[in-house]
Amino acid sequence: MKKAIIIHGWEETSQGQWLPWLGEQLREKGYVVEIPQMPHTKNPKLNEWMEMLESFSPDKNTLLIGHSLANALILKYIAKANTRIKGAVMVAVWDWLFQDVKEFHETFFENGFDYEAIKKNNTPTVIVNSTTDPWIDFERAKKLANKIDATFIAIEKAGHFMVRDGYAQFPKLVEIIENKFT
């Protein structure tokens, strides 16, 4: 059974941006889809988000899909010993702490990321970043892909992949999932 867990970012909801649309597209393709409402989204804590993710018991048939801050959670999850999932697709990814939102993101970034553990788990991973994200340094995001042996896909002028950037739907993401994971 194909499963997908789609995780929203900071200050978002499970019904925001392109997430519900993607969930419906994947259901039509035979996936069992979960789009959890992560706890305390305005002041998130890594341990609470990790507990929520783990409550869905991701396994070798599970694809994790994240937007924005959710990707730090996915990176931490993949780094855990004995993690075996089908793959990860991360949209709008970064691996550094932004000082201007430090108080909100600190638990996700305070201990950095274990890039070697991520690579060792050999999880097929795709990183999708925009050339015009107002917050994420495009070149640094590309370096992250190299650090973890991920496939890097650049999308021109997509902002932060939000509705205001024209992303209420995200057909290219469905295409990426189909090409990489089916």
C-alpha atoms as a PDB file:
ATOM      1  CA  MET A   1       0.000   0.000   0.000  1.00  0.00           C
ATOM      2  CA  LYS A   2       1.407   3.404  -1.017  1.00  0.00           C
ATOM      3  CA  LYS A   3       1.266   6.011   1.729  1.00  0.00           C
ATOM      4  CA  ALA A   4       2.023   9.730   1.798  1.00  0.00           C
ATOM      5  CA  ILE A   5       2.304  12.052   4.767  1.00  0.00           C
ATOM      6  CA  ILE A   6       2.164  15.713   3.716  1.00  0.00           C
ATOM      7  CA  ILE A   7       3.417  18.147   6.360  1.00  0.00           C
ATOM      8  CA  HIS A   8       2.787  21.901   6.455  1.00  0.00           C
ATOM      9  CA  GLY A   9       5.209  24.591   7.536  1.00  0.00           C
ATOM     10  CA  TRP A  10       5.429  27.217  10.256  1.00  0.00           C
ATOM     11  CA  GLU A  11       2.266  29.237  10.904  1.00  0.00           C
ATOM     12  CA  GLU A  12       0.409  27.088   8.372  1.00  0.00           C
ATOM     13  CA  THR A  13      -2.360  24.517   8.551  1.00  0.00           C
ATOM     14  CA  SER A  14      -3.049  21.139   7.034  1.00  0.00           C
ATOM     15  CA  GLN A  15      -5.565  22.877   4.760  1.00  0.00           C
ATOM     16  CA  GLY A  16      -3.183  25.587   3.557  1.00  0.00           C
ATOM     17  CA  GLN A  17      -1.325  26.229   0.333  1.00  0.00           C
ATOM     18  CA  TRP A  18      -1.209  23.295  -2.133  1.00  0.00           C
ATOM     19  CA  LEU A  19      -1.318  20.523   0.479  1.00  0.00           C
ATOM     20  CA  PRO A  20      -5.027  19.514   0.217  1.00  0.00           C
ATOM     21  CA  TRP A  21      -4.818  19.659  -3.576  1.00  0.00           C
ATOM     22  CA  LEU A  22      -1.742  17.411  -3.593  1.00  0.00           C
ATOM     23  CA  GLY A  23      -3.429  15.024  -1.169  1.00  0.00           C
ATOM     24  CA  GLU A  24      -6.368  14.627  -3.529  1.00  0.00           C
ATOM     25  CA  GLN A  25      -4.072  14.076  -6.522  1.00  0.00           C
ATOM     26  CA  LEU A  26      -2.169  11.343  -4.670  1.00  0.00           C
ATOM     27  CA  ARG A  27      -5.368   9.668  -3.452  1.00  0.00           C
ATOM     28  CA  GLU A  28      -6.483   9.443  -7.086  1.00  0.00           C
ATOM     29  CA  LYS A  29      -3.200   7.640  -7.773  1.00  0.00           C
ATOM     30  CA  GLY A  30      -3.829   5.052  -5.072  1.00  0.00           C
ATOM     31  CA  TYR A  31      -2.039   6.581  -2.092  1.00  0.00           C
ATOM     32  CA  VAL A  32      -3.377   6.550   1.437  1.00  0.00           C
ATOM     33  CA  VAL A  33      -2.755  10.173   2.407  1.00  0.00           C
ATOM     34  CA  GLU A  34      -2.396  11.857   5.788  1.00  0.00           C
ATOM     35  CA  ILE A  35      -2.123  15.631   6.112  1.00  0.00           C
ATOM     36  CA  PRO A  36      -1.758  16.173   9.854  1.00  0.00           C
ATOM     37  CA  GLN A  37      -2.353  19.451  11.612  1.00  0.00           C
ATOM     38  CA  MET A  38       0.945  19.910  13.398  1.00  0.00           C
ATOM     39  CA  PRO A  39       0.801  21.166  16.994  1.00  0.00           C
ATOM     40  CA  HIS A  40       1.464  24.753  18.044  1.00  0.00           C
ATOM     41  CA  THR A  41       2.170  25.906  14.516  1.00  0.00           C
ATOM     42  CA  LYS A  42       2.820  29.513  15.568  1.00  0.00           C
ATOM     43  CA  ASN A  43       5.445  28.405  18.110  1.00  0.00           C
ATOM     44  CA  PRO A  44       6.441  24.903  16.973  1.00  0.00           C
ATOM     45  CA  LYS A  45       8.690  22.528  18.891  1.00  0.00           C
ATOM     46  CA  LEU A  46      10.643  19.786  17.164  1.00  0.00           C
ATOM     47  CA  ASN A  47       9.826  17.137  19.775  1.00  0.00           C
ATOM     48  CA  GLU A  48       6.063  17.743  19.415  1.00  0.00           C
ATOM     49  CA  TRP A  49       6.226  17.648  15.624  1.00  0.00           C
ATOM     50  CA  MET A  50       8.374  14.494  15.740  1.00  0.00           C
ATOM     51  CA  GLU A  51       5.851  12.778  18.027  1.00  0.00           C
ATOM     52  CA  MET A  52       3.066  13.684  15.606  1.00  0.00           C
ATOM     53  CA  LEU A  53       5.010  12.352  12.610  1.00  0.00           C
ATOM     54  CA  GLU A  54       5.951   9.137  14.422  1.00  0.00           C
ATOM     55  CA  SER A  55       2.310   8.582  15.432  1.00  0.00           C
ATOM     56  CA  PHE A  56       1.623   7.781  11.754  1.00  0.00           C
ATOM     57  CA  SER A  57       4.238   4.979  11.813  1.00  0.00           C
ATOM     58  CA  PRO A  58       5.995   5.797   8.532  1.00  0.00           C
ATOM     59  CA  ASP A  59       7.355   2.666   6.883  1.00  0.00           C
ATOM     60  CA  LYS A  60       9.018   1.434   3.680  1.00  0.00           C
ATOM     61  CA  ASN A  61       5.853   2.303   1.726  1.00  0.00           C
ATOM     62  CA  THR A  62       5.644   5.888   3.030  1.00  0.00           C
ATOM     63  CA  LEU A  63       6.571   9.028   1.154  1.00  0.00           C
ATOM     64  CA  LEU A  64       7.145  12.083   3.350  1.00  0.00           C
ATOM     65  CA  ILE A  65       6.355  15.405   1.678  1.00  0.00           C
ATOM     66  CA  GLY A  66       7.182  18.639   3.421  1.00  0.00           C
ATOM     67  CA  HIS A  67       6.843  22.354   2.866  1.00  0.00           C
ATOM     68  CA  SER A  68       9.124  24.940   4.433  1.00  0.00           C
ATOM     69  CA  LEU A  69       9.878  24.285   8.142  1.00  0.00           C
ATOM     70  CA  ALA A  70       8.454  20.754   7.870  1.00  0.00           C
ATOM     71  CA  ASN A  71      11.605  19.839   5.973  1.00  0.00           C
ATOM     72  CA  ALA A  72      13.802  20.325   9.036  1.00  0.00           C
ATOM     73  CA  LEU A  73      11.543  17.770  10.739  1.00  0.00           C
ATOM     74  CA  ILE A  74      11.900  15.383   7.794  1.00  0.00           C
ATOM     75  CA  LEU A  75      15.700  15.754   7.781  1.00  0.00           C
ATOM     76  CA  LYS A  76      15.817  14.968  11.517  1.00  0.00           C
ATOM     77  CA  TYR A  77      13.496  11.993  10.986  1.00  0.00           C
ATOM     78  CA  ILE A  78      15.565  10.558   8.127  1.00  0.00           C
ATOM     79  CA  ALA A  79      18.725  10.873  10.237  1.00  0.00           C
ATOM     80  CA  LYS A  80      17.315   8.578  12.917  1.00  0.00           C
ATOM     81  CA  ALA A  81      18.775   5.087  13.004  1.00  0.00           C
ATOM     82  CA  ASN A  82      16.512   2.423  11.538  1.00  0.00           C
ATOM     83  CA  THR A  83      14.403   4.904   9.574  1.00  0.00           C
ATOM     84  CA  ARG A  84      13.130   3.141   6.471  1.00  0.00           C
ATOM     85  CA  ILE A  85      10.759   5.083   4.286  1.00  0.00           C
ATOM     86  CA  LYS A  86      10.077   5.023   0.565  1.00  0.00           C
ATOM     87  CA  GLY A  87      11.392   8.551   0.137  1.00  0.00           C
ATOM     88  CA  ALA A  88      11.110  12.241   0.872  1.00  0.00           C
ATOM     89  CA  VAL A  89      10.115  15.220  -1.243  1.00  0.00           C
ATOM     90  CA  MET A  90      10.984  18.510   0.391  1.00  0.00           C
ATOM     91  CA  VAL A  91       9.731  21.833  -0.994  1.00  0.00           C
ATOM     92  CA  ALA A  92      11.411  25.120   0.032  1.00  0.00           C
ATOM     93  CA  VAL A  93      14.247  23.586   2.044  1.00  0.00           C
ATOM     94  CA  TRP A  94      17.026  25.098   4.144  1.00  0.00           C
ATOM     95  CA  ASP A  95      19.366  23.807   6.847  1.00  0.00           C
ATOM     96  CA  TRP A  96      20.359  26.930   8.775  1.00  0.00           C
ATOM     97  CA  LEU A  97      18.709  28.950  11.528  1.00  0.00           C
ATOM     98  CA  PHE A  98      17.330  32.327  10.484  1.00  0.00           C
ATOM     99  CA  GLN A  99      18.254  34.765  13.235  1.00  0.00           C
ATOM    100  CA  ASP A 100      15.135  36.897  12.784  1.00  0.00           C
ATOM    101  CA  VAL A 101      12.855  33.928  13.644  1.00  0.00           C
ATOM    102  CA  LYS A 102      15.269  32.115  15.950  1.00  0.00           C
ATOM    103  CA  GLU A 103      12.820  31.953  18.852  1.00  0.00           C
ATOM    104  CA  PHE A 104      10.296  30.087  16.682  1.00  0.00           C
ATOM    105  CA  HIS A 105      12.616  27.707  14.803  1.00  0.00           C
ATOM    106  CA  GLU A 106      15.414  27.076  17.273  1.00  0.00           C
ATOM    107  CA  THR A 107      14.414  23.568  18.364  1.00  0.00           C
ATOM    108  CA  PHE A 108      14.472  22.407  14.736  1.00  0.00           C
ATOM    109  CA  PHE A 109      17.991  23.712  14.053  1.00  0.00           C
ATOM    110  CA  GLU A 110      19.785  23.934  17.421  1.00  0.00           C
ATOM    111  CA  ASN A 111      21.787  20.716  17.026  1.00  0.00           C
ATOM    112  CA  GLY A 112      22.292  20.967  13.291  1.00  0.00           C
ATOM    113  CA  PHE A 113      21.746  17.982  11.024  1.00  0.00           C
ATOM    114  CA  ASP A 114      23.578  14.674  10.851  1.00  0.00           C
ATOM    115  CA  TYR A 115      24.279  14.645   7.115  1.00  0.00           C
ATOM    116  CA  GLU A 116      26.243  11.395   7.304  1.00  0.00           C
ATOM    117  CA  ALA A 117      23.362   9.602   9.054  1.00  0.00           C
ATOM    118  CA  ILE A 118      20.944  10.970   6.461  1.00  0.00           C
ATOM    119  CA  LYS A 119      23.136   9.653   3.642  1.00  0.00           C
ATOM    120  CA  LYS A 120      23.707   6.329   5.434  1.00  0.00           C
ATOM    121  CA  ASN A 121      19.956   5.683   5.618  1.00  0.00           C
ATOM    122  CA  ASN A 122      19.948   5.905   1.817  1.00  0.00           C
ATOM    123  CA  THR A 123      16.473   7.421   1.618  1.00  0.00           C
ATOM    124  CA  PRO A 124      15.667   8.616  -1.913  1.00  0.00           C
ATOM    125  CA  THR A 125      15.205  12.344  -1.461  1.00  0.00           C
ATOM    126  CA  VAL A 126      14.171  15.172  -3.768  1.00  0.00           C
ATOM    127  CA  ILE A 127      14.664  18.827  -2.867  1.00  0.00           C
ATOM    128  CA  VAL A 128      12.560  21.384  -4.762  1.00  0.00           C
ATOM    129  CA  ASN A 129      13.545  25.022  -4.357  1.00  0.00           C
ATOM    130  CA  SER A 130      12.656  28.228  -6.141  1.00  0.00           C
ATOM    131  CA  THR A 131      15.120  30.589  -7.726  1.00  0.00           C
ATOM    132  CA  THR A 132      13.172  33.492  -6.196  1.00  0.00           C
ATOM    133  CA  ASP A 133      12.352  32.355  -2.654  1.00  0.00           C
ATOM    134  CA  PRO A 134      12.396  35.551  -0.576  1.00  0.00           C
ATOM    135  CA  TRP A 135      13.847  33.755   2.475  1.00  0.00           C
ATOM    136  CA  ILE A 136      15.930  30.842   1.245  1.00  0.00           C
ATOM    137  CA  ASP A 137      19.357  31.292  -0.298  1.00  0.00           C
ATOM    138  CA  PHE A 138      19.138  29.236  -3.495  1.00  0.00           C
ATOM    139  CA  GLU A 139      22.843  28.361  -3.652  1.00  0.00           C
ATOM    140  CA  ARG A 140      22.908  27.233  -0.020  1.00  0.00           C
ATOM    141  CA  ALA A 141      19.882  25.016  -0.665  1.00  0.00           C
ATOM    142  CA  LYS A 142      21.746  23.414  -3.586  1.00  0.00           C
ATOM    143  CA  LYS A 143      24.675  22.711  -1.253  1.00  0.00           C
ATOM    144  CA  LEU A 144      22.299  20.966   1.156  1.00  0.00           C
ATOM    145  CA  ALA A 145      21.235  18.632  -1.648  1.00  0.00           C
ATOM    146  CA  ASN A 146      24.878  17.738  -2.218  1.00  0.00           C
ATOM    147  CA  LYS A 147      25.465  17.148   1.513  1.00  0.00           C
ATOM    148  CA  ILE A 148      22.738  14.480   1.622  1.00  0.00           C
ATOM    149  CA  ASP A 149      22.969  13.097  -1.933  1.00  0.00           C
ATOM    150  CA  ALA A 150      19.497  14.384  -2.801  1.00  0.00           C
ATOM    151  CA  THR A 151      18.145  15.162  -6.244  1.00  0.00           C
ATOM    152  CA  PHE A 152      17.864  18.940  -6.556  1.00  0.00           C
ATOM    153  CA  ILE A 153      15.139  20.472  -8.717  1.00  0.00           C
ATOM    154  CA  ALA A 154      15.099  24.210  -9.337  1.00  0.00           C
ATOM    155  CA  ILE A 155      11.850  25.892 -10.252  1.00  0.00           C
ATOM    156  CA  GLU A 156      12.084  29.353 -11.741  1.00  0.00           C
ATOM    157  CA  LYS A 157      10.296  32.247 -10.068  1.00  0.00           C
ATOM    158  CA  ALA A 158       8.140  30.220  -7.682  1.00  0.00           C
ATOM    159  CA  GLY A 159       8.672  32.287  -4.536  1.00  0.00           C
ATOM    160  CA  HIS A 160       8.098  30.185  -1.418  1.00  0.00           C
ATOM    161  CA  PHE A 161       5.567  27.922  -3.194  1.00  0.00           C
ATOM    162  CA  MET A 162       2.593  29.562  -1.525  1.00  0.00           C
ATOM    163  CA  VAL A 163      -0.856  30.496  -2.830  1.00  0.00           C
ATOM    164  CA  ARG A 164       0.291  34.110  -3.110  1.00  0.00           C
ATOM    165  CA  ASP A 165       3.094  32.841  -5.395  1.00  0.00           C
ATOM    166  CA  GLY A 166       0.568  31.035  -7.622  1.00  0.00           C
ATOM    167  CA  TYR A 167       0.762  27.658  -5.873  1.00  0.00           C
ATOM    168  CA  ALA A 168      -2.765  26.685  -4.837  1.00  0.00           C
ATOM    169  CA  GLN A 169      -2.048  23.701  -7.084  1.00  0.00           C
ATOM    170  CA  PHE A 170       1.345  22.180  -7.831  1.00  0.00           C
ATOM    171  CA  PRO A 171       1.203  19.882 -10.900  1.00  0.00           C
ATOM    172  CA  LYS A 172       5.008  19.824 -11.217  1.00  0.00           C
ATOM    173  CA  LEU A 173       5.218  18.226  -7.767  1.00  0.00           C
ATOM    174  CA  VAL A 174       2.864  15.421  -8.821  1.00  0.00           C
ATOM    175  CA  GLU A 175       5.060  14.879 -11.877  1.00  0.00           C
ATOM    176  CA  ILE A 176       8.192  14.752  -9.693  1.00  0.00           C
ATOM    177  CA  ILE A 177       6.581  12.194  -7.362  1.00  0.00           C
ATOM    178  CA  GLU A 178       5.429  10.041 -10.275  1.00  0.00           C
ATOM    179  CA  ASN A 179       8.813  10.146 -11.987  1.00  0.00           C
ATOM    180  CA  LYS A 180      10.885   9.453  -8.877  1.00  0.00           C
ATOM    181  CA  PHE A 181       8.690   7.183  -6.760  1.00  0.00           C
ATOM    182  CA  THR A 182       6.475   5.048  -9.012  1.00  0.00           C
END
